[in-house]
Amino acid sequence: MIYSEIKKRTKRKVEVTPCGIQYLDETLGGGFRNGSLVALLGREESGKTLFLEQILLSFLAQGKRSAYFALEFSDFELIDHMEKRIEAGIVSKKEIEKIEIFTSEEFSDGFHIVEEMEKLHQEKDISIFGIDSTMSLTAATSIEGEMQKIKELFLTLSDFAKKTKSIVFLITQKSKNSVEKKEASIYGSQRANHYANLILDFEVEDGKHTIEIAKNKQNGKKAKYDVALNSDTLFFEIKDGEMPKKATKTKKNKKTPTTENMDEPKFDVSIVDDEDDPSTWFSNMKKAPRYPGR
């Protein structure tokens, strides 16, 4: 393929699906790109699962069905978890029925989950998937001496998203020792973050939550949001009800841009330098071969 053809291809309109969370949709240029893997990266108790459920419920509010692989829950734990959300009034029993929900008790390994996703896409036209988490996704696959299969699993998952133009959200773990080293070093998180088109990095310190767009192959914009967990809805919101304007790129050492409009809410967007891009953490990894027979 010659250069002019490649250049022409890059000018094609990127198809995105809005999730309904305004500050993300605006920064990402209208929503999440179809055919992408989105990694929700963070330590334990940083809010990843709550935010994944918030995204799926936000899609549902717009009439977009999804599938939720709640691999961290047993059947009884899942029922208890969902009942709390129903009691809190953030979703009705009727609405919950519109989300295809699965637990780890239904699958033998990660490849079985991908097969179920393909079935859901073909038979029910579902193109939004949430997986909690990569640690559970790879648990059955991570047999001693078979680390290669984990690489193959995430390549298969990436291929599925591209082929079906689906959006796949993956919760990935960051170990406590990896925060300063910038490594998500446990289980399949490395491979998930390597193949991810977008990484949302979750941090909590002294009860204060932040969500950072740390890797963005969609439009290159990176931003960091100070958010607060609404105890009534269990949704993360911009503090004090503020919503951001469109994030813009700035040169290093320049002041953070702000919106100054009396008719619009104010919000400060912190732009992250490219040298902090987590995609560079795994640049030395070799591309995994496709899983034979899958």
Protein backbone atom coordinates (compact mmCIF):
# COMPACT_ATOMS: atom_id res chain seq x y z
CA MET A 1 0.00 0.00 0.00
CA ILE A 2 1.43 3.38 -1.03
CA TYR A 3 1.64 6.43 1.25
CA SER A 4 -1.23 8.36 -0.39
CA GLU A 5 -3.61 5.43 0.18
CA ILE A 6 -2.61 5.17 3.83
CA LYS A 7 -3.11 8.93 4.25
CA LYS A 8 -6.54 8.70 2.63
CA ARG A 9 -7.48 5.87 5.00
CA THR A 10 -6.57 7.96 8.05
CA LYS A 11 -9.11 10.60 6.99
CA ARG A 12 -12.05 8.22 7.30
CA LYS A 13 -14.58 9.23 9.90
CA VAL A 14 -14.05 7.39 13.18
CA GLU A 15 -17.26 5.77 14.45
CA VAL A 16 -17.88 6.38 18.14
CA THR A 17 -20.65 5.47 20.58
CA PRO A 18 -21.46 8.01 23.33
CA CYS A 19 -21.67 6.48 26.79
CA GLY A 20 -23.71 9.32 28.30
CA ILE A 21 -21.00 10.37 30.78
CA GLN A 22 -20.52 13.90 29.51
CA TYR A 23 -16.95 14.61 30.58
CA LEU A 24 -15.68 11.42 28.89
CA ASP A 25 -17.78 11.81 25.74
CA GLU A 26 -16.56 15.37 25.23
CA THR A 27 -12.88 14.59 25.80
CA LEU A 28 -13.04 11.54 23.50
CA GLY A 29 -14.68 13.43 20.68
CA GLY A 30 -18.20 12.11 21.07
CA GLY A 31 -17.78 8.76 22.79
CA PHE A 32 -15.82 5.52 22.77
CA ARG A 33 -14.48 4.35 19.42
CA ASN A 34 -16.22 1.29 18.04
CA GLY A 35 -13.90 -1.70 17.79
CA SER A 36 -11.78 -0.83 20.80
CA LEU A 37 -10.55 -2.30 24.07
CA VAL A 38 -10.81 0.02 27.07
CA ALA A 39 -8.78 -0.86 30.15
CA LEU A 40 -9.96 0.36 33.55
CA LEU A 41 -6.69 0.27 35.49
CA GLY A 42 -6.28 0.63 39.23
CA ARG A 43 -5.56 -0.89 42.61
CA GLU A 44 -8.13 -2.63 44.76
CA GLU A 45 -10.97 -0.43 46.05
CA SER A 46 -10.17 2.35 43.59
CA GLY A 47 -13.68 2.31 42.09
CA LYS A 48 -13.12 0.33 38.89
CA THR A 49 -16.09 -2.04 39.28
CA LEU A 50 -18.47 0.74 40.29
CA PHE A 51 -17.40 2.79 37.29
CA LEU A 52 -17.76 -0.15 34.90
CA GLU A 53 -21.33 -0.66 36.12
CA GLN A 54 -21.94 3.09 35.78
CA ILE A 55 -20.84 2.96 32.13
CA LEU A 56 -23.03 -0.05 31.35
CA LEU A 57 -26.04 1.55 33.05
CA SER A 58 -25.37 4.84 31.22
CA PHE A 59 -25.38 2.98 27.91
CA LEU A 60 -28.61 1.26 28.99
CA ALA A 61 -30.25 4.62 29.71
CA GLN A 62 -29.68 5.43 26.03
CA GLY A 63 -31.26 2.19 24.91
CA LYS A 64 -27.97 0.36 24.29
CA ARG A 65 -27.86 -3.18 25.68
CA SER A 66 -24.68 -4.71 27.01
CA ALA A 67 -23.20 -7.88 28.46
CA TYR A 68 -21.55 -7.88 31.87
CA PHE A 69 -19.14 -10.66 32.78
CA ALA A 70 -19.05 -10.25 36.57
CA LEU A 71 -16.29 -12.78 37.08
CA GLU A 72 -15.44 -11.49 40.55
CA PHE A 73 -18.85 -12.56 41.86
CA SER A 74 -20.51 -15.85 42.67
CA ASP A 75 -24.21 -16.09 41.81
CA PHE A 76 -25.20 -15.22 45.39
CA GLU A 77 -22.77 -12.31 45.58
CA LEU A 78 -24.03 -10.93 42.27
CA ILE A 79 -27.67 -11.06 43.42
CA ASP A 80 -26.76 -9.25 46.63
CA HIS A 81 -24.78 -6.63 44.71
CA MET A 82 -27.55 -5.93 42.19
CA GLU A 83 -30.27 -5.86 44.85
CA LYS A 84 -28.39 -3.05 46.59
CA ARG A 85 -28.38 -1.06 43.35
CA ILE A 86 -32.08 -1.69 42.82
CA GLU A 87 -32.85 -0.63 46.40
CA ALA A 88 -30.79 2.52 45.88
CA GLY A 89 -33.10 3.40 42.98
CA ILE A 90 -30.38 3.66 40.35
CA VAL A 91 -31.82 0.86 38.24
CA SER A 92 -35.08 -1.09 38.15
CA LYS A 93 -35.50 -4.85 38.04
CA LYS A 94 -36.93 -4.46 34.53
CA GLU A 95 -33.86 -2.55 33.36
CA ILE A 96 -31.46 -5.06 34.93
CA GLU A 97 -33.08 -7.75 32.80
CA LYS A 98 -31.89 -5.91 29.68
CA ILE A 99 -28.24 -6.49 30.63
CA GLU A 100 -26.86 -9.96 29.92
CA ILE A 101 -25.06 -10.86 33.17
CA PHE A 102 -22.70 -13.78 33.70
CA THR A 103 -20.58 -15.01 36.61
CA SER A 104 -17.38 -17.03 36.71
CA GLU A 105 -19.35 -20.19 37.56
CA GLU A 106 -20.56 -20.36 33.94
CA PHE A 107 -17.19 -20.51 32.15
CA SER A 108 -14.22 -22.85 31.98
CA ASP A 109 -11.68 -20.36 30.61
CA GLY A 110 -11.20 -17.00 28.92
CA PHE A 111 -11.60 -18.38 25.40
CA HIS A 112 -15.03 -19.71 26.40
CA ILE A 113 -15.98 -16.15 27.38
CA VAL A 114 -14.89 -14.77 24.00
CA GLU A 115 -17.00 -17.44 22.30
CA GLU A 116 -20.01 -16.34 24.39
CA MET A 117 -19.37 -12.72 23.37
CA GLU A 118 -19.36 -13.72 19.70
CA LYS A 119 -22.66 -15.55 20.24
CA LEU A 120 -24.24 -12.55 21.97
CA HIS A 121 -23.14 -10.26 19.14
CA GLN A 122 -24.51 -12.54 16.43
CA GLU A 123 -27.78 -13.52 18.09
CA LYS A 124 -28.67 -10.41 20.13
CA ASP A 125 -26.70 -7.67 18.35
CA ILE A 126 -24.85 -6.73 21.55
CA SER A 127 -21.72 -4.66 20.93
CA ILE A 128 -20.89 -3.38 24.41
CA PHE A 129 -19.15 -5.70 26.86
CA GLY A 130 -17.77 -5.33 30.37
CA ILE A 131 -15.35 -7.82 31.92
CA ASP A 132 -14.50 -7.75 35.64
CA SER A 133 -11.70 -8.60 35.68
CA THR A 134 -8.60 -9.69 33.73
CA MET A 135 -7.39 -11.47 36.87
CA SER A 136 -10.46 -13.73 36.81
CA LEU A 137 -10.54 -13.85 33.00
CA THR A 138 -7.08 -15.40 32.93
CA ALA A 139 -7.31 -17.48 36.11
CA ALA A 140 -8.42 -20.68 34.38
CA THR A 141 -6.17 -19.98 31.42
CA SER A 142 -3.08 -19.26 33.50
CA ILE A 143 -1.98 -22.83 33.92
CA GLU A 144 1.66 -23.29 34.84
CA GLY A 145 3.78 -23.25 31.70
CA GLU A 146 1.00 -21.78 29.56
CA MET A 147 1.61 -18.03 29.81
CA GLN A 148 1.61 -17.96 26.01
CA LYS A 149 -2.11 -18.72 26.12
CA ILE A 150 -2.74 -15.50 28.04
CA LYS A 151 -1.09 -13.51 25.24
CA GLU A 152 -3.18 -15.39 22.69
CA LEU A 153 -6.34 -14.74 24.71
CA PHE A 154 -5.98 -10.97 24.62
CA LEU A 155 -5.04 -10.98 20.95
CA THR A 156 -8.21 -12.99 20.30
CA LEU A 157 -10.21 -10.50 22.37
CA SER A 158 -8.69 -7.56 20.49
CA ASP A 159 -9.47 -9.21 17.14
CA PHE A 160 -13.08 -9.79 18.25
CA ALA A 161 -13.56 -6.11 19.12
CA LYS A 162 -12.15 -4.95 15.78
CA LYS A 163 -14.05 -7.50 13.71
CA THR A 164 -17.44 -6.78 15.32
CA LYS A 165 -16.83 -3.05 16.00
CA SER A 166 -17.64 -3.73 19.64
CA ILE A 167 -16.48 -1.81 22.70
CA VAL A 168 -14.95 -4.06 25.34
CA PHE A 169 -14.26 -2.69 28.82
CA LEU A 170 -11.69 -4.63 30.84
CA ILE A 171 -10.89 -4.12 34.51
CA THR A 172 -7.15 -4.54 35.03
CA GLN A 173 -5.23 -4.64 38.30
CA LYS A 174 -2.31 -2.50 39.33
CA SER A 175 -0.24 -3.93 42.17
CA LYS A 176 0.71 -1.66 45.06
CA ASN A 177 4.40 -1.93 44.18
CA SER A 178 3.80 -1.00 40.56
CA VAL A 179 2.37 2.49 41.04
CA GLU A 180 5.70 4.32 40.90
CA LYS A 181 7.24 1.85 38.45
CA LYS A 182 4.29 2.34 36.10
CA GLU A 183 3.73 -1.38 35.65
CA ALA A 184 0.49 -3.30 35.80
CA SER A 185 2.40 -6.45 36.54
CA ILE A 186 -0.07 -9.03 37.77
CA TYR A 187 -1.88 -11.75 35.86
CA GLY A 188 -3.09 -10.75 32.40
CA SER A 189 -3.12 -7.01 33.04
CA GLN A 190 0.06 -6.42 31.05
CA ARG A 191 -1.42 -7.93 27.93
CA ALA A 192 -4.76 -6.16 28.40
CA ASN A 193 -3.07 -2.78 28.77
CA HIS A 194 -0.80 -3.53 25.82
CA TYR A 195 -3.71 -4.18 23.46
CA ALA A 196 -5.99 -1.49 24.92
CA ASN A 197 -6.80 1.50 22.72
CA LEU A 198 -7.69 3.50 25.80
CA ILE A 199 -6.64 3.30 29.46
CA LEU A 200 -8.56 4.97 32.27
CA ASP A 201 -6.36 5.01 35.37
CA PHE A 202 -8.18 5.06 38.72
CA GLU A 203 -6.55 6.36 41.90
CA VAL A 204 -7.84 6.95 45.40
CA GLU A 205 -5.87 8.61 48.18
CA ASP A 206 -7.29 9.76 51.50
CA GLY A 207 -10.77 9.17 50.13
CA LYS A 208 -10.18 11.39 47.09
CA HIS A 209 -10.79 9.77 43.70
CA THR A 210 -9.27 10.66 40.34
CA ILE A 211 -9.84 9.21 36.87
CA GLU A 212 -7.11 9.81 34.30
CA ILE A 213 -7.15 9.16 30.57
CA ALA A 214 -3.61 7.80 30.55
CA LYS A 215 -3.49 6.19 27.11
CA ASN A 216 -5.57 7.37 24.18
CA LYS A 217 -5.10 6.00 20.66
CA GLN A 218 -8.52 7.36 19.76
CA ASN A 219 -7.79 11.08 19.48
CA GLY A 220 -4.64 11.56 21.57
CA LYS A 221 -6.24 13.71 24.25
CA LYS A 222 -5.36 12.98 27.85
CA ALA A 223 -7.02 14.43 30.91
CA LYS A 224 -7.28 13.89 34.64
CA TYR A 225 -10.56 14.38 36.51
CA ASP A 226 -11.20 14.89 40.21
CA VAL A 227 -14.37 12.92 40.90
CA ALA A 228 -16.53 12.11 43.90
CA LEU A 229 -18.64 9.02 44.52
CA ASN A 230 -22.31 9.86 44.98
CA SER A 231 -23.35 7.67 47.91
CA ASP A 232 -26.99 7.64 46.75
CA THR A 233 -26.49 6.64 43.10
CA LEU A 234 -23.07 4.97 43.47
CA PHE A 235 -22.01 6.97 40.41
CA PHE A 236 -18.80 8.96 40.08
CA GLU A 237 -19.42 12.63 39.37
CA ILE A 238 -17.29 15.68 38.77
CA LYS A 239 -16.91 17.39 42.13
CA ASP A 240 -19.57 19.95 43.01
CA GLY A 241 -21.57 18.94 39.96
CA GLU A 242 -19.09 20.57 37.59
CA MET A 243 -18.78 19.25 34.06
CA PRO A 244 -15.75 19.77 31.81
CA LYS A 245 -15.58 21.57 28.54
CA LYS A 246 -13.75 19.94 25.64
CA ALA A 247 -10.19 19.02 26.61
CA THR A 248 -7.41 20.38 24.46
CA LYS A 249 -3.74 19.57 24.03
CA THR A 250 -1.21 21.98 25.48
CA LYS A 251 2.55 22.20 25.39
CA LYS A 252 4.56 21.09 28.42
CA ASN A 253 4.88 23.54 31.34
CA LYS A 254 1.94 25.65 30.15
CA LYS A 255 -0.94 26.38 32.47
CA THR A 256 -3.92 24.08 32.48
CA PRO A 257 -6.74 25.38 30.24
CA THR A 258 -10.00 26.32 31.91
CA THR A 259 -13.42 27.29 30.67
CA GLU A 260 -14.41 30.84 31.50
CA ASN A 261 -18.03 31.19 30.48
CA MET A 262 -20.69 32.50 32.85
CA ASP A 263 -23.32 30.38 31.12
CA GLU A 264 -21.29 27.17 31.24
CA PRO A 265 -20.05 25.20 34.25
CA LYS A 266 -16.33 25.52 34.97
CA PHE A 267 -13.86 22.68 34.97
CA ASP A 268 -10.09 22.38 35.01
CA VAL A 269 -8.59 19.73 32.77
CA SER A 270 -5.07 18.52 33.58
CA ILE A 271 -3.23 17.39 30.46
CA VAL A 272 -0.75 14.54 30.90
CA ASP A 273 2.58 14.56 29.03
CA ASP A 274 3.18 11.89 26.41
CA GLU A 275 6.14 10.55 28.39
CA ASP A 276 3.63 9.23 30.93
CA ASP A 277 1.78 7.21 28.28
CA PRO A 278 1.37 3.67 29.68
CA SER A 279 1.54 2.29 26.12
CA THR A 280 5.33 2.76 26.39
CA TRP A 281 5.51 0.50 29.44
CA PHE A 282 5.14 -2.60 27.30
CA SER A 283 6.90 -1.48 24.12
CA ASN A 284 9.42 -4.31 24.30
CA MET A 285 6.79 -7.05 24.25
CA LYS A 286 6.58 -9.26 21.16
CA LYS A 287 3.29 -9.63 19.34
CA ALA A 288 1.53 -12.80 20.39
CA PRO A 289 0.67 -15.34 17.71
CA ARG A 290 -2.97 -16.05 17.04
CA TYR A 291 -4.44 -18.84 19.08
CA PRO A 292 -4.56 -21.97 16.88
CA GLY A 293 -8.00 -23.20 16.05
CA ARG A 294 -9.76 -20.11 17.49
